[in-house]
Amino acid sequence: MRVLETGRFERLGSNRERQVQVRVISATNADLGAMIRSGKFREDLYYRLNLIELTLPPLCERPADIAPLAIHFLESGKQLTPSALNALQRYPWPGNVRELKNTIQRACLLASGTSIDARDLGLPAATASVPHAADNEPDGAAIEAALGRAAGNVSQAAAELGLSRQALYRRMERLGLSRG
């Protein structure tokens, strides 16, 4: 806390004070206001860190950013076909920009030529256009069906259901389901 406030610190075991100039850039998807109210995050630390706050909505709420980001992540010499761009736009991106980047990098590695087609992306064939809302949570039958279509691939089933892989694992455990 003192380093953030004054820029001064002492190394462990030393009696000499040192001066530093640092900038801290941090990111979270947690609701820090709620965490402060519940006592899980220190309010004084929040106010020391919160000089400039940028709120960035998830990728599924910024469809205009999908194509430029995908093109940015392409290896030189590779290009996306119109069908690939269309598939990228239809996918809900529960893993956000990291998932998009990994999808493009995988497609660049697996594509046989310079053009990347929709099938090279490895996205589920029947993607939902909107992730499941909390009141529209997939039930056991929907999860089993998605796992069946994905041949037990939890990542692919989670993407189809609009969930993260971890969220799908939690639901499967709660419902007593196996990979199938």
N, C-alpha and C. Protein backbone atom coordinates (compact mmCIF):
# COMPACT_ATOMS: atom_id res chain seq x y z
N MET A 1 0.84 -1.18 0.00
CA MET A 1 0.00 0.00 0.00
C MET A 1 0.88 1.25 0.00
N ARG A 2 1.96 1.19 0.76
CA ARG A 2 2.83 2.37 0.84
C ARG A 2 3.49 2.65 -0.50
N VAL A 3 3.85 1.59 -1.22
CA VAL A 3 4.47 1.79 -2.54
C VAL A 3 3.48 2.50 -3.47
N LEU A 4 2.23 2.08 -3.42
CA LEU A 4 1.23 2.73 -4.27
C LEU A 4 1.02 4.19 -3.87
N GLU A 5 1.06 4.47 -2.60
CA GLU A 5 0.79 5.82 -2.10
C GLU A 5 1.99 6.75 -2.26
N THR A 6 3.19 6.28 -1.86
CA THR A 6 4.35 7.18 -1.80
C THR A 6 5.44 6.82 -2.80
N GLY A 7 5.42 5.60 -3.32
CA GLY A 7 6.50 5.17 -4.21
C GLY A 7 7.74 4.77 -3.45
N ARG A 8 7.67 4.58 -2.13
CA ARG A 8 8.82 4.24 -1.31
C ARG A 8 8.61 2.87 -0.66
N PHE A 9 9.72 2.12 -0.50
CA PHE A 9 9.66 0.83 0.16
C PHE A 9 11.04 0.46 0.69
N GLU A 10 11.08 -0.52 1.57
CA GLU A 10 12.32 -1.11 2.07
C GLU A 10 12.31 -2.59 1.71
N ARG A 11 13.42 -3.06 1.18
CA ARG A 11 13.53 -4.50 0.92
C ARG A 11 13.53 -5.24 2.25
N LEU A 12 13.07 -6.48 2.20
CA LEU A 12 13.03 -7.31 3.39
C LEU A 12 14.44 -7.50 3.93
N GLY A 13 14.65 -7.18 5.21
CA GLY A 13 15.96 -7.33 5.83
C GLY A 13 16.86 -6.13 5.65
N SER A 14 16.38 -5.12 4.95
CA SER A 14 17.20 -3.93 4.71
C SER A 14 16.67 -2.78 5.56
N ASN A 15 17.53 -1.81 5.81
CA ASN A 15 17.07 -0.62 6.51
C ASN A 15 17.15 0.62 5.62
N ARG A 16 17.41 0.39 4.34
CA ARG A 16 17.53 1.47 3.37
C ARG A 16 16.22 1.62 2.60
N GLU A 17 15.69 2.81 2.59
CA GLU A 17 14.44 3.06 1.87
C GLU A 17 14.77 3.34 0.40
N ARG A 18 13.96 2.80 -0.47
CA ARG A 18 14.16 2.98 -1.92
C ARG A 18 12.96 3.71 -2.50
N GLN A 19 13.21 4.43 -3.57
CA GLN A 19 12.17 5.19 -4.27
C GLN A 19 11.96 4.55 -5.65
N VAL A 20 10.70 4.33 -6.02
CA VAL A 20 10.38 3.77 -7.33
C VAL A 20 9.25 4.58 -7.96
N GLN A 21 9.19 4.53 -9.27
CA GLN A 21 8.07 5.10 -10.01
C GLN A 21 7.43 3.96 -10.78
N VAL A 22 6.21 3.63 -10.42
CA VAL A 22 5.52 2.53 -11.08
C VAL A 22 4.11 2.95 -11.45
N ARG A 23 3.58 2.28 -12.44
CA ARG A 23 2.18 2.40 -12.78
C ARG A 23 1.60 1.00 -12.72
N VAL A 24 0.46 0.87 -12.09
CA VAL A 24 -0.17 -0.43 -11.95
C VAL A 24 -1.38 -0.46 -12.87
N ILE A 25 -1.39 -1.45 -13.73
CA ILE A 25 -2.54 -1.68 -14.60
C ILE A 25 -3.13 -3.02 -14.20
N SER A 26 -4.38 -3.01 -13.83
CA SER A 26 -5.01 -4.25 -13.37
C SER A 26 -6.34 -4.42 -14.08
N ALA A 27 -6.78 -5.68 -14.13
CA ALA A 27 -8.05 -5.99 -14.78
C ALA A 27 -8.77 -7.05 -13.97
N THR A 28 -10.08 -6.98 -13.99
CA THR A 28 -10.88 -7.98 -13.31
C THR A 28 -12.25 -8.06 -13.96
N ASN A 29 -12.88 -9.20 -13.81
CA ASN A 29 -14.28 -9.30 -14.23
C ASN A 29 -15.18 -9.40 -13.00
N ALA A 30 -14.58 -9.21 -11.82
CA ALA A 30 -15.33 -9.26 -10.57
C ALA A 30 -16.03 -7.92 -10.31
N ASP A 31 -17.09 -7.95 -9.55
CA ASP A 31 -17.81 -6.74 -9.13
C ASP A 31 -17.12 -6.24 -7.87
N LEU A 32 -16.15 -5.33 -8.02
CA LEU A 32 -15.37 -4.89 -6.87
C LEU A 32 -16.22 -4.14 -5.86
N GLY A 33 -17.23 -3.40 -6.32
CA GLY A 33 -18.13 -2.71 -5.39
C GLY A 33 -18.80 -3.68 -4.44
N ALA A 34 -19.30 -4.78 -4.98
CA ALA A 34 -19.95 -5.81 -4.15
C ALA A 34 -18.93 -6.48 -3.25
N MET A 35 -17.72 -6.70 -3.75
CA MET A 35 -16.69 -7.33 -2.93
C MET A 35 -16.28 -6.43 -1.77
N ILE A 36 -16.24 -5.12 -2.01
CA ILE A 36 -15.92 -4.18 -0.93
C ILE A 36 -17.02 -4.23 0.12
N ARG A 37 -18.27 -4.19 -0.31
CA ARG A 37 -19.41 -4.23 0.62
C ARG A 37 -19.43 -5.51 1.45
N SER A 38 -19.00 -6.63 0.85
CA SER A 38 -19.01 -7.90 1.59
C SER A 38 -17.71 -8.13 2.37
N GLY A 39 -16.76 -7.19 2.27
CA GLY A 39 -15.51 -7.31 3.01
C GLY A 39 -14.48 -8.20 2.37
N LYS A 40 -14.66 -8.56 1.10
CA LYS A 40 -13.72 -9.45 0.41
C LYS A 40 -12.63 -8.69 -0.33
N PHE A 41 -12.75 -7.36 -0.45
CA PHE A 41 -11.74 -6.54 -1.10
C PHE A 41 -11.57 -5.27 -0.30
N ARG A 42 -10.34 -4.85 -0.08
CA ARG A 42 -10.06 -3.68 0.74
C ARG A 42 -10.43 -2.40 0.01
N GLU A 43 -11.24 -1.59 0.67
CA GLU A 43 -11.70 -0.33 0.07
C GLU A 43 -10.54 0.63 -0.16
N ASP A 44 -9.59 0.70 0.77
CA ASP A 44 -8.47 1.62 0.61
C ASP A 44 -7.59 1.21 -0.58
N LEU A 45 -7.43 -0.08 -0.81
CA LEU A 45 -6.67 -0.55 -1.97
C LEU A 45 -7.41 -0.20 -3.26
N TYR A 46 -8.72 -0.36 -3.25
CA TYR A 46 -9.53 -0.03 -4.42
C TYR A 46 -9.32 1.43 -4.82
N TYR A 47 -9.37 2.34 -3.85
CA TYR A 47 -9.24 3.77 -4.17
C TYR A 47 -7.82 4.14 -4.58
N ARG A 48 -6.84 3.39 -4.14
CA ARG A 48 -5.47 3.65 -4.59
C ARG A 48 -5.25 3.16 -6.03
N LEU A 49 -5.91 2.07 -6.37
CA LEU A 49 -5.75 1.50 -7.72
C LEU A 49 -6.66 2.16 -8.75
N ASN A 50 -7.81 2.66 -8.33
CA ASN A 50 -8.84 3.11 -9.26
C ASN A 50 -8.65 4.56 -9.68
N LEU A 51 -7.56 4.84 -10.37
CA LEU A 51 -7.31 6.17 -10.90
C LEU A 51 -8.12 6.41 -12.17
N ILE A 52 -8.02 5.48 -13.09
CA ILE A 52 -8.79 5.53 -14.34
C ILE A 52 -9.46 4.18 -14.50
N GLU A 53 -10.77 4.17 -14.67
CA GLU A 53 -11.50 2.92 -14.83
C GLU A 53 -12.04 2.82 -16.25
N LEU A 54 -11.74 1.73 -16.89
CA LEU A 54 -12.27 1.44 -18.22
C LEU A 54 -13.17 0.22 -18.11
N THR A 55 -14.37 0.34 -18.61
CA THR A 55 -15.28 -0.80 -18.61
C THR A 55 -15.39 -1.29 -20.05
N LEU A 56 -15.05 -2.53 -20.26
CA LEU A 56 -15.09 -3.11 -21.59
C LEU A 56 -16.11 -4.23 -21.61
N PRO A 57 -17.17 -4.09 -22.39
CA PRO A 57 -18.18 -5.15 -22.43
C PRO A 57 -17.61 -6.42 -23.08
N PRO A 58 -18.23 -7.57 -22.81
CA PRO A 58 -17.75 -8.81 -23.42
C PRO A 58 -17.87 -8.77 -24.94
N LEU A 59 -17.11 -9.60 -25.58
CA LEU A 59 -17.05 -9.62 -27.04
C LEU A 59 -18.41 -9.88 -27.67
N CYS A 60 -19.26 -10.69 -27.03
CA CYS A 60 -20.57 -10.98 -27.60
C CYS A 60 -21.44 -9.72 -27.67
N GLU A 61 -21.12 -8.69 -26.90
CA GLU A 61 -21.86 -7.43 -26.95
C GLU A 61 -21.20 -6.43 -27.89
N ARG A 62 -20.08 -6.81 -28.51
CA ARG A 62 -19.36 -5.94 -29.44
C ARG A 62 -19.13 -6.65 -30.77
N PRO A 63 -20.18 -7.04 -31.47
CA PRO A 63 -19.99 -7.83 -32.69
C PRO A 63 -19.18 -7.11 -33.77
N ALA A 64 -19.18 -5.80 -33.76
CA ALA A 64 -18.40 -5.06 -34.76
C ALA A 64 -16.90 -5.23 -34.56
N ASP A 65 -16.47 -5.66 -33.36
CA ASP A 65 -15.05 -5.84 -33.08
C ASP A 65 -14.53 -7.22 -33.48
N ILE A 66 -15.42 -8.16 -33.76
CA ILE A 66 -15.00 -9.55 -34.01
C ILE A 66 -14.13 -9.65 -35.26
N ALA A 67 -14.59 -9.15 -36.39
CA ALA A 67 -13.82 -9.27 -37.64
C ALA A 67 -12.47 -8.56 -37.56
N PRO A 68 -12.40 -7.29 -37.11
CA PRO A 68 -11.08 -6.66 -37.03
C PRO A 68 -10.11 -7.38 -36.09
N LEU A 69 -10.61 -7.88 -34.98
CA LEU A 69 -9.74 -8.64 -34.07
C LEU A 69 -9.27 -9.93 -34.72
N ALA A 70 -10.18 -10.64 -35.38
CA ALA A 70 -9.81 -11.90 -36.03
C ALA A 70 -8.74 -11.65 -37.10
N ILE A 71 -8.92 -10.60 -37.87
CA ILE A 71 -7.93 -10.27 -38.91
C ILE A 71 -6.60 -9.90 -38.28
N HIS A 72 -6.64 -9.20 -37.16
CA HIS A 72 -5.41 -8.84 -36.45
C HIS A 72 -4.65 -10.08 -35.98
N PHE A 73 -5.38 -11.11 -35.54
CA PHE A 73 -4.75 -12.32 -35.01
C PHE A 73 -4.26 -13.27 -36.10
N LEU A 74 -4.62 -13.03 -37.36
CA LEU A 74 -4.19 -13.91 -38.44
C LEU A 74 -2.68 -13.85 -38.64
N GLU A 75 -2.10 -15.00 -39.01
CA GLU A 75 -0.69 -15.03 -39.42
C GLU A 75 -0.58 -14.34 -40.77
N SER A 76 0.58 -13.79 -41.06
CA SER A 76 0.75 -13.13 -42.36
C SER A 76 0.60 -14.16 -43.47
N GLY A 77 -0.05 -13.76 -44.54
CA GLY A 77 -0.29 -14.64 -45.66
C GLY A 77 -1.59 -15.42 -45.57
N LYS A 78 -2.24 -15.41 -44.43
CA LYS A 78 -3.52 -16.12 -44.26
C LYS A 78 -4.65 -15.11 -44.39
N GLN A 79 -5.80 -15.60 -44.84
CA GLN A 79 -6.98 -14.74 -44.94
C GLN A 79 -8.23 -15.53 -44.61
N LEU A 80 -9.23 -14.82 -44.12
CA LEU A 80 -10.50 -15.44 -43.75
C LEU A 80 -11.47 -15.34 -44.92
N THR A 81 -12.16 -16.44 -45.22
CA THR A 81 -13.17 -16.43 -46.27
C THR A 81 -14.44 -15.78 -45.71
N PRO A 82 -15.36 -15.35 -46.58
CA PRO A 82 -16.63 -14.80 -46.09
C PRO A 82 -17.39 -15.76 -45.18
N SER A 83 -17.34 -17.08 -45.48
CA SER A 83 -18.05 -18.04 -44.62
C SER A 83 -17.40 -18.09 -43.23
N ALA A 84 -16.08 -17.95 -43.15
CA ALA A 84 -15.40 -17.94 -41.86
C ALA A 84 -15.79 -16.69 -41.07
N LEU A 85 -15.81 -15.54 -41.72
CA LEU A 85 -16.23 -14.31 -41.05
C LEU A 85 -17.67 -14.41 -40.55
N ASN A 86 -18.52 -15.02 -41.36
CA ASN A 86 -19.92 -15.20 -40.96
C ASN A 86 -20.02 -16.11 -39.73
N ALA A 87 -19.25 -17.20 -39.72
CA ALA A 87 -19.26 -18.12 -38.58
C ALA A 87 -18.73 -17.42 -37.33
N LEU A 88 -17.71 -16.60 -37.48
CA LEU A 88 -17.17 -15.86 -36.34
C LEU A 88 -18.21 -14.91 -35.76
N GLN A 89 -18.98 -14.27 -36.64
CA GLN A 89 -20.01 -13.32 -36.19
C GLN A 89 -21.16 -14.03 -35.47
N ARG A 90 -21.49 -15.25 -35.87
CA ARG A 90 -22.61 -15.98 -35.27
C ARG A 90 -22.26 -16.61 -33.92
N TYR A 91 -21.00 -16.84 -33.67
CA TYR A 91 -20.57 -17.53 -32.45
C TYR A 91 -20.66 -16.58 -31.24
N PRO A 92 -21.11 -17.06 -30.06
CA PRO A 92 -21.32 -16.18 -28.90
C PRO A 92 -20.05 -15.79 -28.13
N TRP A 93 -18.93 -16.40 -28.34
CA TRP A 93 -17.64 -16.10 -27.72
C TRP A 93 -17.70 -16.04 -26.20
N PRO A 94 -18.07 -17.16 -25.55
CA PRO A 94 -18.09 -17.16 -24.08
C PRO A 94 -16.70 -16.97 -23.48
N GLY A 95 -15.65 -17.31 -24.23
CA GLY A 95 -14.28 -17.12 -23.74
C GLY A 95 -13.69 -15.79 -24.12
N ASN A 96 -14.50 -14.91 -24.69
CA ASN A 96 -14.11 -13.55 -25.03
C ASN A 96 -12.95 -13.51 -26.03
N VAL A 97 -12.13 -12.46 -25.96
CA VAL A 97 -11.07 -12.23 -26.95
C VAL A 97 -10.02 -13.33 -26.92
N ARG A 98 -9.74 -13.88 -25.74
CA ARG A 98 -8.76 -14.98 -25.67
C ARG A 98 -9.22 -16.17 -26.49
N GLU A 99 -10.50 -16.50 -26.41
CA GLU A 99 -11.03 -17.62 -27.18
C GLU A 99 -10.95 -17.33 -28.67
N LEU A 100 -11.27 -16.11 -29.07
CA LEU A 100 -11.18 -15.72 -30.49
C LEU A 100 -9.73 -15.84 -30.97
N LYS A 101 -8.80 -15.34 -30.19
CA LYS A 101 -7.38 -15.42 -30.57
C LYS A 101 -6.93 -16.87 -30.73
N ASN A 102 -7.28 -17.72 -29.76
CA ASN A 102 -6.89 -19.13 -29.84
C ASN A 102 -7.54 -19.83 -31.03
N THR A 103 -8.80 -19.48 -31.32
CA THR A 103 -9.50 -20.07 -32.46
C THR A 103 -8.79 -19.71 -33.77
N ILE A 104 -8.40 -18.45 -33.90
CA ILE A 104 -7.72 -18.00 -35.12
C ILE A 104 -6.34 -18.65 -35.22
N GLN A 105 -5.61 -18.70 -34.11
CA GLN A 105 -4.28 -19.32 -34.15
C GLN A 105 -4.37 -20.80 -34.51
N ARG A 106 -5.36 -21.51 -33.95
CA ARG A 106 -5.55 -22.93 -34.27
C ARG A 106 -5.90 -23.09 -35.74
N ALA A 107 -6.78 -22.23 -36.26
CA ALA A 107 -7.17 -22.31 -37.66
C ALA A 107 -5.98 -22.06 -38.57
N CYS A 108 -5.12 -21.12 -38.20
CA CYS A 108 -3.92 -20.85 -39.01
C CYS A 108 -3.02 -22.07 -39.08
N LEU A 109 -2.94 -22.80 -37.97
CA LEU A 109 -2.10 -24.00 -37.94
C LEU A 109 -2.70 -25.15 -38.72
N LEU A 110 -4.02 -25.28 -38.68
CA LEU A 110 -4.68 -26.45 -39.26
C LEU A 110 -5.15 -26.26 -40.70
N ALA A 111 -5.29 -25.02 -41.14
CA ALA A 111 -5.77 -24.78 -42.50
C ALA A 111 -4.74 -25.27 -43.50
N SER A 112 -5.22 -25.94 -44.55
CA SER A 112 -4.30 -26.53 -45.52
C SER A 112 -3.70 -25.48 -46.47
N GLY A 113 -4.39 -24.40 -46.71
CA GLY A 113 -3.88 -23.37 -47.62
C GLY A 113 -3.79 -22.03 -46.93
N THR A 114 -3.87 -20.98 -47.74
CA THR A 114 -3.79 -19.64 -47.17
C THR A 114 -5.16 -19.12 -46.74
N SER A 115 -6.22 -19.71 -47.29
CA SER A 115 -7.58 -19.29 -46.93
C SER A 115 -8.10 -20.12 -45.76
N ILE A 116 -8.69 -19.43 -44.80
CA ILE A 116 -9.29 -20.10 -43.66
C ILE A 116 -10.80 -20.06 -43.84
N ASP A 117 -11.39 -21.25 -43.93
CA ASP A 117 -12.83 -21.40 -44.13
C ASP A 117 -13.50 -21.66 -42.77
N ALA A 118 -14.81 -21.60 -42.74
CA ALA A 118 -15.57 -21.81 -41.51
C ALA A 118 -15.24 -23.15 -40.87
N ARG A 119 -15.07 -24.21 -41.66
CA ARG A 119 -14.78 -25.52 -41.08
C ARG A 119 -13.39 -25.56 -40.44
N ASP A 120 -12.47 -24.70 -40.87
CA ASP A 120 -11.12 -24.65 -40.27
C ASP A 120 -11.14 -24.04 -38.87
N LEU A 121 -12.20 -23.31 -38.55
CA LEU A 121 -12.27 -22.64 -37.25
C LEU A 121 -12.55 -23.60 -36.11
N GLY A 122 -13.19 -24.73 -36.39
CA GLY A 122 -13.50 -25.71 -35.36
C GLY A 122 -14.59 -25.26 -34.41
N LEU A 123 -15.44 -24.35 -34.85
CA LEU A 123 -16.56 -23.91 -34.01
C LEU A 123 -17.70 -24.90 -34.12
N PRO A 124 -18.51 -25.04 -33.08
CA PRO A 124 -19.66 -25.96 -33.15
C PRO A 124 -20.59 -25.59 -34.29
N ALA A 125 -21.15 -26.60 -34.92
CA ALA A 125 -22.03 -26.37 -36.07
C ALA A 125 -23.30 -25.64 -35.69
N ALA A 126 -23.89 -26.00 -34.56
CA ALA A 126 -25.14 -25.38 -34.14
C ALA A 126 -24.88 -24.46 -32.97
N THR A 127 -24.32 -23.28 -33.26
CA THR A 127 -24.02 -22.35 -32.18
C THR A 127 -25.23 -21.51 -31.87
N ALA A 128 -25.39 -21.24 -30.60
CA ALA A 128 -26.47 -20.34 -30.18
C ALA A 128 -26.03 -18.92 -30.46
N SER A 129 -26.98 -18.07 -30.83
CA SER A 129 -26.61 -16.69 -31.13
C SER A 129 -26.48 -15.88 -29.86
N VAL A 130 -27.09 -16.33 -28.76
CA VAL A 130 -27.01 -15.62 -27.50
C VAL A 130 -26.73 -16.62 -26.40
N PRO A 131 -25.76 -16.33 -25.51
CA PRO A 131 -25.51 -17.26 -24.41
C PRO A 131 -26.74 -17.37 -23.53
N HIS A 132 -26.83 -18.49 -22.81
CA HIS A 132 -27.97 -18.72 -21.94
C HIS A 132 -27.99 -17.70 -20.82
N ALA A 133 -29.12 -17.10 -20.60
CA ALA A 133 -29.28 -16.20 -19.47
C ALA A 133 -29.50 -17.05 -18.22
N ALA A 134 -29.38 -16.41 -17.06
CA ALA A 134 -29.50 -17.15 -15.80
C ALA A 134 -30.86 -17.82 -15.67
N ASP A 135 -31.91 -17.16 -16.18
CA ASP A 135 -33.24 -17.75 -16.08
C ASP A 135 -33.50 -18.77 -17.18
N ASN A 136 -32.58 -18.93 -18.11
CA ASN A 136 -32.73 -19.88 -19.21
C ASN A 136 -31.55 -20.86 -19.16
N GLU A 137 -31.22 -21.31 -17.95
CA GLU A 137 -30.09 -22.21 -17.77
C GLU A 137 -30.39 -23.57 -18.39
N PRO A 138 -29.40 -24.17 -19.07
CA PRO A 138 -29.65 -25.47 -19.68
C PRO A 138 -29.88 -26.54 -18.62
N ASP A 139 -30.85 -27.40 -18.89
CA ASP A 139 -31.15 -28.47 -17.95
C ASP A 139 -30.30 -29.70 -18.29
N GLY A 140 -30.48 -30.75 -17.52
CA GLY A 140 -29.68 -31.97 -17.73
C GLY A 140 -29.83 -32.54 -19.12
N ALA A 141 -31.06 -32.52 -19.66
CA ALA A 141 -31.28 -33.07 -21.00
C ALA A 141 -30.55 -32.26 -22.06
N ALA A 142 -30.57 -30.93 -21.92
CA ALA A 142 -29.87 -30.07 -22.89
C ALA A 142 -28.36 -30.28 -22.81
N ILE A 143 -27.86 -30.45 -21.60
CA ILE A 143 -26.42 -30.69 -21.43
C ILE A 143 -26.04 -32.04 -22.02
N GLU A 144 -26.82 -33.08 -21.73
CA GLU A 144 -26.53 -34.40 -22.29
C GLU A 144 -26.59 -34.39 -23.81
N ALA A 145 -27.58 -33.67 -24.38
CA ALA A 145 -27.70 -33.60 -25.84
C ALA A 145 -26.49 -32.89 -26.44
N ALA A 146 -26.07 -31.79 -25.82
CA ALA A 146 -24.90 -31.06 -26.34
C ALA A 146 -23.64 -31.91 -26.24
N LEU A 147 -23.49 -32.65 -25.13
CA LEU A 147 -22.33 -33.53 -24.99
C LEU A 147 -22.36 -34.65 -26.03
N GLY A 148 -23.56 -35.15 -26.33
CA GLY A 148 -23.70 -36.18 -27.35
C GLY A 148 -23.30 -35.67 -28.72
N ARG A 149 -23.77 -34.47 -29.08
CA ARG A 149 -23.42 -33.88 -30.37
C ARG A 149 -21.92 -33.59 -30.46
N ALA A 150 -21.31 -33.28 -29.30
CA ALA A 150 -19.88 -32.96 -29.28
C ALA A 150 -19.02 -34.20 -29.01
N ALA A 151 -19.63 -35.37 -29.01
CA ALA A 151 -18.92 -36.63 -28.77
C ALA A 151 -18.12 -36.60 -27.46
N GLY A 152 -18.73 -35.99 -26.43
CA GLY A 152 -18.09 -35.94 -25.12
C GLY A 152 -17.10 -34.80 -24.93
N ASN A 153 -16.88 -34.00 -25.96
CA ASN A 153 -15.94 -32.87 -25.86
C ASN A 153 -16.62 -31.75 -25.07
N VAL A 154 -16.17 -31.56 -23.82
CA VAL A 154 -16.81 -30.61 -22.91
C VAL A 154 -16.65 -29.17 -23.41
N SER A 155 -15.49 -28.82 -23.95
CA SER A 155 -15.28 -27.46 -24.46
C SER A 155 -16.27 -27.14 -25.58
N GLN A 156 -16.43 -28.08 -26.50
CA GLN A 156 -17.33 -27.88 -27.63
C GLN A 156 -18.78 -27.81 -27.15
N ALA A 157 -19.17 -28.67 -26.23
CA ALA A 157 -20.53 -28.66 -25.69
C ALA A 157 -20.79 -27.35 -24.93
N ALA A 158 -19.81 -26.90 -24.17
CA ALA A 158 -19.96 -25.64 -23.43
C ALA A 158 -20.16 -24.47 -24.38
N ALA A 159 -19.38 -24.45 -25.46
CA ALA A 159 -19.52 -23.37 -26.44
C ALA A 159 -20.91 -23.40 -27.07
N GLU A 160 -21.40 -24.58 -27.38
CA GLU A 160 -22.73 -24.69 -27.97
C GLU A 160 -23.81 -24.19 -27.01
N LEU A 161 -23.60 -24.43 -25.71
CA LEU A 161 -24.59 -24.02 -24.72
C LEU A 161 -24.40 -22.57 -24.27
N GLY A 162 -23.33 -21.93 -24.75
CA GLY A 162 -23.07 -20.55 -24.36
C GLY A 162 -22.52 -20.44 -22.95
N LEU A 163 -21.79 -21.47 -22.51
CA LEU A 163 -21.21 -21.50 -21.17
C LEU A 163 -19.70 -21.61 -21.28
N SER A 164 -19.01 -21.26 -20.20
CA SER A 164 -17.59 -21.56 -20.13
C SER A 164 -17.44 -23.04 -19.81
N ARG A 165 -16.28 -23.58 -20.07
CA ARG A 165 -16.03 -24.99 -19.79
C ARG A 165 -16.19 -25.25 -18.29
N GLN A 166 -15.67 -24.33 -17.46
CA GLN A 166 -15.77 -24.50 -16.01
C GLN A 166 -17.23 -24.47 -15.55
N ALA A 167 -18.03 -23.57 -16.14
CA ALA A 167 -19.44 -23.49 -15.76
C ALA A 167 -20.17 -24.79 -16.13
N LEU A 168 -19.83 -25.36 -17.29
CA LEU A 168 -20.45 -26.61 -17.69
C LEU A 168 -20.05 -27.74 -16.74
N TYR A 169 -18.77 -27.80 -16.37
CA TYR A 169 -18.33 -28.82 -15.42
C TYR A 169 -19.10 -28.69 -14.10
N ARG A 170 -19.28 -27.46 -13.61
CA ARG A 170 -20.02 -27.26 -12.36
C ARG A 170 -21.45 -27.75 -12.48
N ARG A 171 -22.11 -27.44 -13.59
CA ARG A 171 -23.50 -27.88 -13.79
C ARG A 171 -23.57 -29.41 -13.91
N MET A 172 -22.60 -29.99 -14.61
CA MET A 172 -22.58 -31.45 -14.75
C MET A 172 -22.41 -32.10 -13.38
N GLU A 173 -21.52 -31.55 -12.54
CA GLU A 173 -21.31 -32.11 -11.22
C GLU A 173 -22.56 -31.97 -10.36
N ARG A 174 -23.19 -30.78 -10.44
CA ARG A 174 -24.40 -30.54 -9.65
C ARG A 174 -25.53 -31.48 -10.06
N LEU A 175 -25.62 -31.79 -11.37
CA LEU A 175 -26.67 -32.66 -11.87
C LEU A 175 -26.29 -34.14 -11.88
N GLY A 176 -25.03 -34.44 -11.53
CA GLY A 176 -24.58 -35.82 -11.50
C GLY A 176 -24.40 -36.41 -12.89
N LEU A 177 -23.98 -35.60 -13.85
CA LEU A 177 -23.80 -36.06 -15.23
C LEU A 177 -22.33 -36.37 -15.50
N SER A 178 -22.10 -37.34 -16.39
CA SER A 178 -20.74 -37.64 -16.83
C SER A 178 -20.59 -37.15 -18.27
N ARG A 179 -19.39 -37.27 -18.79
CA ARG A 179 -19.12 -36.80 -20.16
C ARG A 179 -19.92 -37.56 -21.22
N GLY A 180 -20.42 -38.68 -20.89
CA GLY A 180 -21.27 -39.42 -21.83
C GLY A 180 -20.59 -40.42 -22.58
